[in-house]
Amino acid sequence: KEKRLVYSYGEEVEVTSKEFQVLSLLFDHP
């Protein structure tokens, strides 16, 4: 979250700011 990076099974995935926000919100409330 500090670097605003997303990984899936070890591979970095490029996402937009809105996509990161949605992922973070859902992630924080599993």
PDB file of all heavy atoms in Angstrom:
ATOM      1  N   LYS A   1       0.804  -1.221   0.000  1.00  0.00           N
ATOM      2  CA  LYS A   1       0.000   0.000   0.000  1.00  0.00           C
ATOM      3  C   LYS A   1       0.835   1.268   0.000  1.00  0.00           C
ATOM      4  O   LYS A   1       0.397   2.293  -0.522  1.00  0.00           O
ATOM      5  CB  LYS A   1      -0.964  -0.018   1.178  1.00  0.00           C
ATOM      6  CG  LYS A   1      -1.994  -1.125   1.071  1.00  0.00           C
ATOM      7  CD  LYS A   1      -3.007  -1.028   2.193  1.00  0.00           C
ATOM      8  CE  LYS A   1      -4.009  -2.158   2.082  1.00  0.00           C
ATOM      9  NZ  LYS A   1      -5.005  -2.090   3.167  1.00  0.00           N
ATOM     10  N   GLU A   2       2.017   1.231   0.607  1.00  0.00           N
ATOM     11  CA  GLU A   2       2.850   2.433   0.612  1.00  0.00           C
ATOM     12  C   GLU A   2       3.353   2.744  -0.790  1.00  0.00           C
ATOM     13  O   GLU A   2       3.357   3.894  -1.224  1.00  0.00           O
ATOM     14  CB  GLU A   2       4.029   2.266   1.568  1.00  0.00           C
ATOM     15  CG  GLU A   2       4.876   3.519   1.692  1.00  0.00           C
ATOM     16  CD  GLU A   2       5.954   3.373   2.743  1.00  0.00           C
ATOM     17  OE1 GLU A   2       5.681   3.677   3.919  1.00  0.00           O
ATOM     18  OE2 GLU A   2       7.073   2.956   2.384  1.00  0.00           O
ATOM     19  N   LYS A   3       3.772   1.723  -1.500  1.00  0.00           N
ATOM     20  CA  LYS A   3       4.272   1.916  -2.860  1.00  0.00           C
ATOM     21  C   LYS A   3       3.155   1.831  -3.900  1.00  0.00           C
ATOM     22  O   LYS A   3       3.394   2.082  -5.083  1.00  0.00           O
ATOM     23  CB  LYS A   3       5.343   0.860  -3.171  1.00  0.00           C
ATOM     24  CG  LYS A   3       6.573   0.969  -2.286  1.00  0.00           C
ATOM     25  CD  LYS A   3       7.585  -0.118  -2.619  1.00  0.00           C
ATOM     26  CE  LYS A   3       8.815  -0.010  -1.722  1.00  0.00           C
ATOM     27  NZ  LYS A   3       9.790  -1.103  -2.000  1.00  0.00           N
ATOM     28  N   ARG A   4       1.961   1.466  -3.441  1.00  0.00           N
ATOM     29  CA  ARG A   4       0.789   1.343  -4.319  1.00  0.00           C
ATOM     30  C   ARG A   4       1.072   0.381  -5.472  1.00  0.00           C
ATOM     31  O   ARG A   4       0.826   0.683  -6.642  1.00  0.00           O
ATOM     32  CB  ARG A   4       0.349   2.716  -4.835  1.00  0.00           C
ATOM     33  CG  ARG A   4      -0.076   3.643  -3.724  1.00  0.00           C
ATOM     34  CD  ARG A   4      -0.552   4.985  -4.210  1.00  0.00           C
ATOM     35  NE  ARG A   4      -1.856   4.918  -4.837  1.00  0.00           N
ATOM     36  CZ  ARG A   4      -3.006   4.920  -4.180  1.00  0.00           C
ATOM     37  NH1 ARG A   4      -3.017   4.949  -2.869  1.00  0.00           N
ATOM     38  NH2 ARG A   4      -4.153   4.886  -4.819  1.00  0.00           N
ATOM     39  N   LEU A   5       1.556  -0.802  -5.099  1.00  0.00           N
ATOM     40  CA  LEU A   5       1.854  -1.844  -6.076  1.00  0.00           C
ATOM     41  C   LEU A   5       0.972  -3.055  -5.813  1.00  0.00           C
ATOM     42  O   LEU A   5       0.616  -3.354  -4.667  1.00  0.00           O
ATOM     43  CB  LEU A   5       3.330  -2.257  -6.003  1.00  0.00           C
ATOM     44  CG  LEU A   5       4.357  -1.165  -6.335  1.00  0.00           C
ATOM     45  CD1 LEU A   5       5.768  -1.687  -6.117  1.00  0.00           C
ATOM     46  CD2 LEU A   5       4.176  -0.670  -7.768  1.00  0.00           C
ATOM     47  N   VAL A   6       0.640  -3.773  -6.873  1.00  0.00           N
ATOM     48  CA  VAL A   6      -0.210  -4.952  -6.793  1.00  0.00           C
ATOM     49  C   VAL A   6       0.524  -6.131  -7.416  1.00  0.00           C
ATOM     50  O   VAL A   6       1.107  -6.004  -8.501  1.00  0.00           O
ATOM     51  CB  VAL A   6      -1.548  -4.729  -7.531  1.00  0.00           C
ATOM     52  CG1 VAL A   6      -2.398  -5.992  -7.519  1.00  0.00           C
ATOM     53  CG2 VAL A   6      -2.314  -3.564  -6.909  1.00  0.00           C
ATOM     54  N   TYR A   7       0.485  -7.275  -6.717  1.00  0.00           N
ATOM     55  CA  TYR A   7       1.106  -8.491  -7.229  1.00  0.00           C
ATOM     56  C   TYR A   7       0.102  -9.636  -7.181  1.00  0.00           C
ATOM     57  O   TYR A   7      -0.711  -9.718  -6.260  1.00  0.00           O
ATOM     58  CB  TYR A   7       2.330  -8.880  -6.389  1.00  0.00           C
ATOM     59  CG  TYR A   7       3.423  -7.843  -6.356  1.00  0.00           C
ATOM     60  CD1 TYR A   7       3.407  -6.837  -5.389  1.00  0.00           C
ATOM     61  CD2 TYR A   7       4.467  -7.865  -7.268  1.00  0.00           C
ATOM     62  CE1 TYR A   7       4.396  -5.874  -5.344  1.00  0.00           C
ATOM     63  CE2 TYR A   7       5.471  -6.910  -7.227  1.00  0.00           C
ATOM     64  CZ  TYR A   7       5.433  -5.918  -6.266  1.00  0.00           C
ATOM     65  OH  TYR A   7       6.418  -4.961  -6.233  1.00  0.00           O
ATOM     66  N   SER A   8       0.185 -10.499  -8.142  1.00  0.00           N
ATOM     67  CA  SER A   8      -0.612 -11.715  -8.143  1.00  0.00           C
ATOM     68  C   SER A   8       0.321 -12.885  -8.395  1.00  0.00           C
ATOM     69  O   SER A   8       0.963 -12.962  -9.446  1.00  0.00           O
ATOM     70  CB  SER A   8      -1.696 -11.657  -9.226  1.00  0.00           C
ATOM     71  OG  SER A   8      -2.480 -12.841  -9.208  1.00  0.00           O
ATOM     72  N   TYR A   9       0.426 -13.752  -7.406  1.00  0.00           N
ATOM     73  CA  TYR A   9       1.341 -14.894  -7.472  1.00  0.00           C
ATOM     74  C   TYR A   9       2.741 -14.468  -7.889  1.00  0.00           C
ATOM     75  O   TYR A   9       3.376 -15.073  -8.752  1.00  0.00           O
ATOM     76  CB  TYR A   9       0.790 -15.965  -8.416  1.00  0.00           C
ATOM     77  CG  TYR A   9      -0.463 -16.621  -7.882  1.00  0.00           C
ATOM     78  CD1 TYR A   9      -1.705 -16.314  -8.417  1.00  0.00           C
ATOM     79  CD2 TYR A   9      -0.408 -17.527  -6.830  1.00  0.00           C
ATOM     80  CE1 TYR A   9      -2.867 -16.893  -7.919  1.00  0.00           C
ATOM     81  CE2 TYR A   9      -1.558 -18.103  -6.324  1.00  0.00           C
ATOM     82  CZ  TYR A   9      -2.781 -17.782  -6.874  1.00  0.00           C
ATOM     83  OH  TYR A   9      -3.929 -18.359  -6.363  1.00  0.00           O
ATOM     84  N   GLY A  10       3.225 -13.386  -7.277  1.00  0.00           N
ATOM     85  CA  GLY A  10       4.596 -12.945  -7.488  1.00  0.00           C
ATOM     86  C   GLY A  10       4.819 -12.037  -8.678  1.00  0.00           C
ATOM     87  O   GLY A  10       5.906 -11.476  -8.831  1.00  0.00           O
ATOM     88  N   GLU A  11       3.814 -11.850  -9.523  1.00  0.00           N
ATOM     89  CA  GLU A  11       3.976 -11.001 -10.699  1.00  0.00           C
ATOM     90  C   GLU A  11       3.280  -9.657 -10.473  1.00  0.00           C
ATOM     91  O   GLU A  11       2.124  -9.619 -10.057  1.00  0.00           O
ATOM     92  CB  GLU A  11       3.388 -11.682 -11.939  1.00  0.00           C
ATOM     93  CG  GLU A  11       4.157 -12.911 -12.382  1.00  0.00           C
ATOM     94  CD  GLU A  11       3.663 -13.443 -13.717  1.00  0.00           C
ATOM     95  OE1 GLU A  11       2.852 -12.743 -14.373  1.00  0.00           O
ATOM     96  OE2 GLU A  11       4.089 -14.534 -14.113  1.00  0.00           O
ATOM     97  N   GLU A  12       4.003  -8.573 -10.762  1.00  0.00           N
ATOM     98  CA  GLU A  12       3.410  -7.245 -10.605  1.00  0.00           C
ATOM     99  C   GLU A  12       2.347  -7.013 -11.678  1.00  0.00           C
ATOM    100  O   GLU A  12       2.536  -7.359 -12.840  1.00  0.00           O
ATOM    101  CB  GLU A  12       4.482  -6.160 -10.711  1.00  0.00           C
ATOM    102  CG  GLU A  12       3.948  -4.761 -10.492  1.00  0.00           C
ATOM    103  CD  GLU A  12       5.022  -3.692 -10.562  1.00  0.00           C
ATOM    104  OE1 GLU A  12       6.222  -4.054 -10.493  1.00  0.00           O
ATOM    105  OE2 GLU A  12       4.659  -2.502 -10.699  1.00  0.00           O
ATOM    106  N   VAL A  13       1.225  -6.445 -11.268  1.00  0.00           N
ATOM    107  CA  VAL A  13       0.118  -6.147 -12.179  1.00  0.00           C
ATOM    108  C   VAL A  13      -0.131  -4.642 -12.140  1.00  0.00           C
ATOM    109  O   VAL A  13      -0.317  -4.058 -11.071  1.00  0.00           O
ATOM    110  CB  VAL A  13      -1.165  -6.904 -11.766  1.00  0.00           C
ATOM    111  CG1 VAL A  13      -2.310  -6.567 -12.731  1.00  0.00           C
ATOM    112  CG2 VAL A  13      -0.908  -8.411 -11.744  1.00  0.00           C
ATOM    113  N   GLU A  14      -0.131  -4.010 -13.297  1.00  0.00           N
ATOM    114  CA  GLU A  14      -0.342  -2.567 -13.368  1.00  0.00           C
ATOM    115  C   GLU A  14      -1.822  -2.247 -13.247  1.00  0.00           C
ATOM    116  O   GLU A  14      -2.648  -2.782 -13.977  1.00  0.00           O
ATOM    117  CB  GLU A  14       0.203  -2.020 -14.690  1.00  0.00           C
ATOM    118  CG  GLU A  14       0.129  -0.509 -14.802  1.00  0.00           C
ATOM    119  CD  GLU A  14       0.762   0.016 -16.072  1.00  0.00           C
ATOM    120  OE1 GLU A  14       1.520  -0.734 -16.716  1.00  0.00           O
ATOM    121  OE2 GLU A  14       0.498   1.183 -16.414  1.00  0.00           O
ATOM    122  N   VAL A  15      -2.154  -1.373 -12.303  1.00  0.00           N
ATOM    123  CA  VAL A  15      -3.549  -0.973 -12.102  1.00  0.00           C
ATOM    124  C   VAL A  15      -3.624   0.551 -12.029  1.00  0.00           C
ATOM    125  O   VAL A  15      -2.647   1.223 -11.718  1.00  0.00           O
ATOM    126  CB  VAL A  15      -4.141  -1.584 -10.815  1.00  0.00           C
ATOM    127  CG1 VAL A  15      -4.175  -3.099 -10.886  1.00  0.00           C
ATOM    128  CG2 VAL A  15      -3.388  -1.112  -9.580  1.00  0.00           C
ATOM    129  N   THR A  16      -4.801   1.089 -12.300  1.00  0.00           N
ATOM    130  CA  THR A  16      -5.028   2.524 -12.174  1.00  0.00           C
ATOM    131  C   THR A  16      -5.274   2.877 -10.714  1.00  0.00           C
ATOM    132  O   THR A  16      -5.457   1.996  -9.861  1.00  0.00           O
ATOM    133  CB  THR A  16      -6.236   2.972 -13.006  1.00  0.00           C
ATOM    134  OG1 THR A  16      -7.422   2.394 -12.443  1.00  0.00           O
ATOM    135  CG2 THR A  16      -6.106   2.548 -14.457  1.00  0.00           C
ATOM    136  N   SER A  17      -5.301   4.175 -10.422  1.00  0.00           N
ATOM    137  CA  SER A  17      -5.529   4.626  -9.048  1.00  0.00           C
ATOM    138  C   SER A  17      -6.887   4.173  -8.521  1.00  0.00           C
ATOM    139  O   SER A  17      -7.010   3.691  -7.395  1.00  0.00           O
ATOM    140  CB  SER A  17      -5.422   6.148  -8.979  1.00  0.00           C
ATOM    141  OG  SER A  17      -5.599   6.602  -7.657  1.00  0.00           O
ATOM    142  N   LYS A  18      -7.949   4.301  -9.346  1.00  0.00           N
ATOM    143  CA  LYS A  18      -9.284   3.873  -8.926  1.00  0.00           C
ATOM    144  C   LYS A  18      -9.309   2.366  -8.692  1.00  0.00           C
ATOM    145  O   LYS A  18      -9.927   1.884  -7.735  1.00  0.00           O
ATOM    146  CB  LYS A  18     -10.307   4.246  -9.998  1.00  0.00           C
ATOM    147  CG  LYS A  18     -10.787   5.700  -9.942  1.00  0.00           C
ATOM    148  CD  LYS A  18     -11.772   5.940  -8.826  1.00  0.00           C
ATOM    149  CE  LYS A  18     -12.488   7.281  -8.988  1.00  0.00           C
ATOM    150  NZ  LYS A  18     -11.610   8.444  -8.931  1.00  0.00           N
ATOM    151  N   GLU A  19      -8.662   1.596  -9.553  1.00  0.00           N
ATOM    152  CA  GLU A  19      -8.620   0.148  -9.383  1.00  0.00           C
ATOM    153  C   GLU A  19      -7.917  -0.213  -8.076  1.00  0.00           C
ATOM    154  O   GLU A  19      -8.358  -1.112  -7.348  1.00  0.00           O
ATOM    155  CB  GLU A  19      -7.924  -0.503 -10.580  1.00  0.00           C
ATOM    156  CG  GLU A  19      -8.737  -0.431 -11.869  1.00  0.00           C
ATOM    157  CD  GLU A  19      -7.924  -0.739 -13.113  1.00  0.00           C
ATOM    158  OE1 GLU A  19      -6.692  -0.940 -13.003  1.00  0.00           O
ATOM    159  OE2 GLU A  19      -8.517  -0.759 -14.207  1.00  0.00           O
ATOM    160  N   PHE A  20      -6.832   0.505  -7.769  1.00  0.00           N
ATOM    161  CA  PHE A  20      -6.105   0.236  -6.531  1.00  0.00           C
ATOM    162  C   PHE A  20      -6.975   0.564  -5.321  1.00  0.00           C
ATOM    163  O   PHE A  20      -6.978  -0.167  -4.324  1.00  0.00           O
ATOM    164  CB  PHE A  20      -4.812   1.044  -6.489  1.00  0.00           C
ATOM    165  CG  PHE A  20      -3.912   0.659  -5.342  1.00  0.00           C
ATOM    166  CD1 PHE A  20      -2.973  -0.353  -5.493  1.00  0.00           C
ATOM    167  CD2 PHE A  20      -4.018   1.281  -4.106  1.00  0.00           C
ATOM    168  CE1 PHE A  20      -2.152  -0.733  -4.433  1.00  0.00           C
ATOM    169  CE2 PHE A  20      -3.216   0.920  -3.046  1.00  0.00           C
ATOM    170  CZ  PHE A  20      -2.278  -0.095  -3.211  1.00  0.00           C
ATOM    171  N   GLN A  21      -7.726   1.664  -5.385  1.00  0.00           N
ATOM    172  CA  GLN A  21      -8.592   2.045  -4.276  1.00  0.00           C
ATOM    173  C   GLN A  21      -9.666   0.997  -4.020  1.00  0.00           C
ATOM    174  O   GLN A  21      -9.949   0.648  -2.868  1.00  0.00           O
ATOM    175  CB  GLN A  21      -9.225   3.400  -4.548  1.00  0.00           C
ATOM    176  CG  GLN A  21      -8.245   4.564  -4.472  1.00  0.00           C
ATOM    177  CD  GLN A  21      -8.897   5.887  -4.795  1.00  0.00           C
ATOM    178  OE1 GLN A  21     -10.035   5.933  -5.265  1.00  0.00           O
ATOM    179  NE2 GLN A  21      -8.190   6.971  -4.568  1.00  0.00           N
ATOM    180  N   VAL A  22     -10.279   0.502  -5.085  1.00  0.00           N
ATOM    181  CA  VAL A  22     -11.312  -0.527  -4.921  1.00  0.00           C
ATOM    182  C   VAL A  22     -10.699  -1.803  -4.341  1.00  0.00           C
ATOM    183  O   VAL A  22     -11.243  -2.395  -3.400  1.00  0.00           O
ATOM    184  CB  VAL A  22     -12.011  -0.820  -6.269  1.00  0.00           C
ATOM    185  CG1 VAL A  22     -12.879  -2.073  -6.159  1.00  0.00           C
ATOM    186  CG2 VAL A  22     -12.869   0.365  -6.690  1.00  0.00           C
ATOM    187  N   LEU A  23      -9.555  -2.218  -4.883  1.00  0.00           N
ATOM    188  CA  LEU A  23      -8.890  -3.415  -4.366  1.00  0.00           C
ATOM    189  C   LEU A  23      -8.538  -3.249  -2.889  1.00  0.00           C
ATOM    190  O   LEU A  23      -8.725  -4.170  -2.087  1.00  0.00           O
ATOM    191  CB  LEU A  23      -7.623  -3.700  -5.171  1.00  0.00           C
ATOM    192  CG  LEU A  23      -7.820  -4.326  -6.554  1.00  0.00           C
ATOM    193  CD1 LEU A  23      -6.510  -4.309  -7.336  1.00  0.00           C
ATOM    194  CD2 LEU A  23      -8.332  -5.760  -6.427  1.00  0.00           C
ATOM    195  N   SER A  24      -8.035  -2.079  -2.512  1.00  0.00           N
ATOM    196  CA  SER A  24      -7.647  -1.837  -1.122  1.00  0.00           C
ATOM    197  C   SER A  24      -8.854  -1.885  -0.192  1.00  0.00           C
ATOM    198  O   SER A  24      -8.792  -2.454   0.899  1.00  0.00           O
ATOM    199  CB  SER A  24      -6.958  -0.479  -0.998  1.00  0.00           C
ATOM    200  OG  SER A  24      -5.750  -0.455  -1.718  1.00  0.00           O
ATOM    201  N   LEU A  25      -9.956  -1.283  -0.629  1.00  0.00           N
ATOM    202  CA  LEU A  25     -11.164  -1.286   0.202  1.00  0.00           C
ATOM    203  C   LEU A  25     -11.670  -2.706   0.417  1.00  0.00           C
ATOM    204  O   LEU A  25     -11.963  -3.121   1.554  1.00  0.00           O
ATOM    205  CB  LEU A  25     -12.241  -0.434  -0.465  1.00  0.00           C
ATOM    206  CG  LEU A  25     -13.593  -0.388   0.248  1.00  0.00           C
ATOM    207  CD1 LEU A  25     -13.456   0.250   1.627  1.00  0.00           C
ATOM    208  CD2 LEU A  25     -14.607   0.371  -0.588  1.00  0.00           C
ATOM    209  N   LEU A  26     -11.769  -3.468  -0.652  1.00  0.00           N
ATOM    210  CA  LEU A  26     -12.242  -4.851  -0.534  1.00  0.00           C
ATOM    211  C   LEU A  26     -11.260  -5.699   0.263  1.00  0.00           C
ATOM    212  O   LEU A  26     -11.653  -6.569   1.052  1.00  0.00           O
ATOM    213  CB  LEU A  26     -12.458  -5.448  -1.925  1.00  0.00           C
ATOM    214  CG  LEU A  26     -13.534  -4.772  -2.790  1.00  0.00           C
ATOM    215  CD1 LEU A  26     -13.555  -5.398  -4.183  1.00  0.00           C
ATOM    216  CD2 LEU A  26     -14.905  -4.868  -2.144  1.00  0.00           C
ATOM    217  N   PHE A  27      -9.973  -5.427   0.065  1.00  0.00           N
ATOM    218  CA  PHE A  27      -8.926  -6.173   0.757  1.00  0.00           C
ATOM    219  C   PHE A  27      -8.994  -5.943   2.265  1.00  0.00           C
ATOM    220  O   PHE A  27      -8.802  -6.870   3.066  1.00  0.00           O
ATOM    221  CB  PHE A  27      -7.575  -5.713   0.213  1.00  0.00           C
ATOM    222  CG  PHE A  27      -6.395  -6.499   0.698  1.00  0.00           C
ATOM    223  CD1 PHE A  27      -5.876  -7.532  -0.059  1.00  0.00           C
ATOM    224  CD2 PHE A  27      -5.795  -6.202   1.911  1.00  0.00           C
ATOM    225  CE1 PHE A  27      -4.776  -8.260   0.393  1.00  0.00           C
ATOM    226  CE2 PHE A  27      -4.704  -6.918   2.367  1.00  0.00           C
ATOM    227  CZ  PHE A  27      -4.194  -7.955   1.607  1.00  0.00           C
ATOM    228  N   ASP A  28      -9.246  -4.699   2.662  1.00  0.00           N
ATOM    229  CA  ASP A  28      -9.279  -4.359   4.086  1.00  0.00           C
ATOM    230  C   ASP A  28     -10.529  -4.879   4.792  1.00  0.00           C
ATOM    231  O   ASP A  28     -10.601  -4.860   6.021  1.00  0.00           O
ATOM    232  CB  ASP A  28      -9.206  -2.839   4.271  1.00  0.00           C
ATOM    233  CG  ASP A  28      -7.825  -2.282   3.956  1.00  0.00           C
ATOM    234  OD1 ASP A  28      -6.859  -3.067   3.949  1.00  0.00           O
ATOM    235  OD2 ASP A  28      -7.718  -1.065   3.693  1.00  0.00           O
ATOM    236  N   HIS A  29     -11.521  -5.314   4.011  1.00  0.00           N
ATOM    237  CA  HIS A  29     -12.763  -5.842   4.586  1.00  0.00           C
ATOM    238  C   HIS A  29     -13.091  -7.184   3.925  1.00  0.00           C
ATOM    239  O   HIS A  29     -14.090  -7.304   3.217  1.00  0.00           O
ATOM    240  CB  HIS A  29     -13.919  -4.846   4.401  1.00  0.00           C
ATOM    241  CG  HIS A  29     -13.640  -3.502   5.010  1.00  0.00           C
ATOM    242  ND1 HIS A  29     -12.955  -2.511   4.348  1.00  0.00           N
ATOM    243  CD2 HIS A  29     -13.957  -3.007   6.241  1.00  0.00           C
ATOM    244  CE1 HIS A  29     -12.872  -1.444   5.145  1.00  0.00           C
ATOM    245  NE2 HIS A  29     -13.461  -1.729   6.288  1.00  0.00           N
ATOM    246  N   PRO A  30     -12.238  -8.186   4.149  1.00  0.00           N
ATOM    247  CA  PRO A  30     -12.439  -9.475   3.481  1.00  0.00           C
ATOM    248  C   PRO A  30     -13.777 -10.103   3.830  1.00  0.00           C
ATOM    249  O   PRO A  30     -14.245 -10.011   4.966  1.00  0.00           O
ATOM    250  CB  PRO A  30     -11.272 -10.324   4.001  1.00  0.00           C
ATOM    251  CG  PRO A  30     -10.866  -9.672   5.280  1.00  0.00           C
ATOM    252  CD  PRO A  30     -11.099  -8.208   5.076  1.00  0.00           C
TER     253      PRO A  30
END
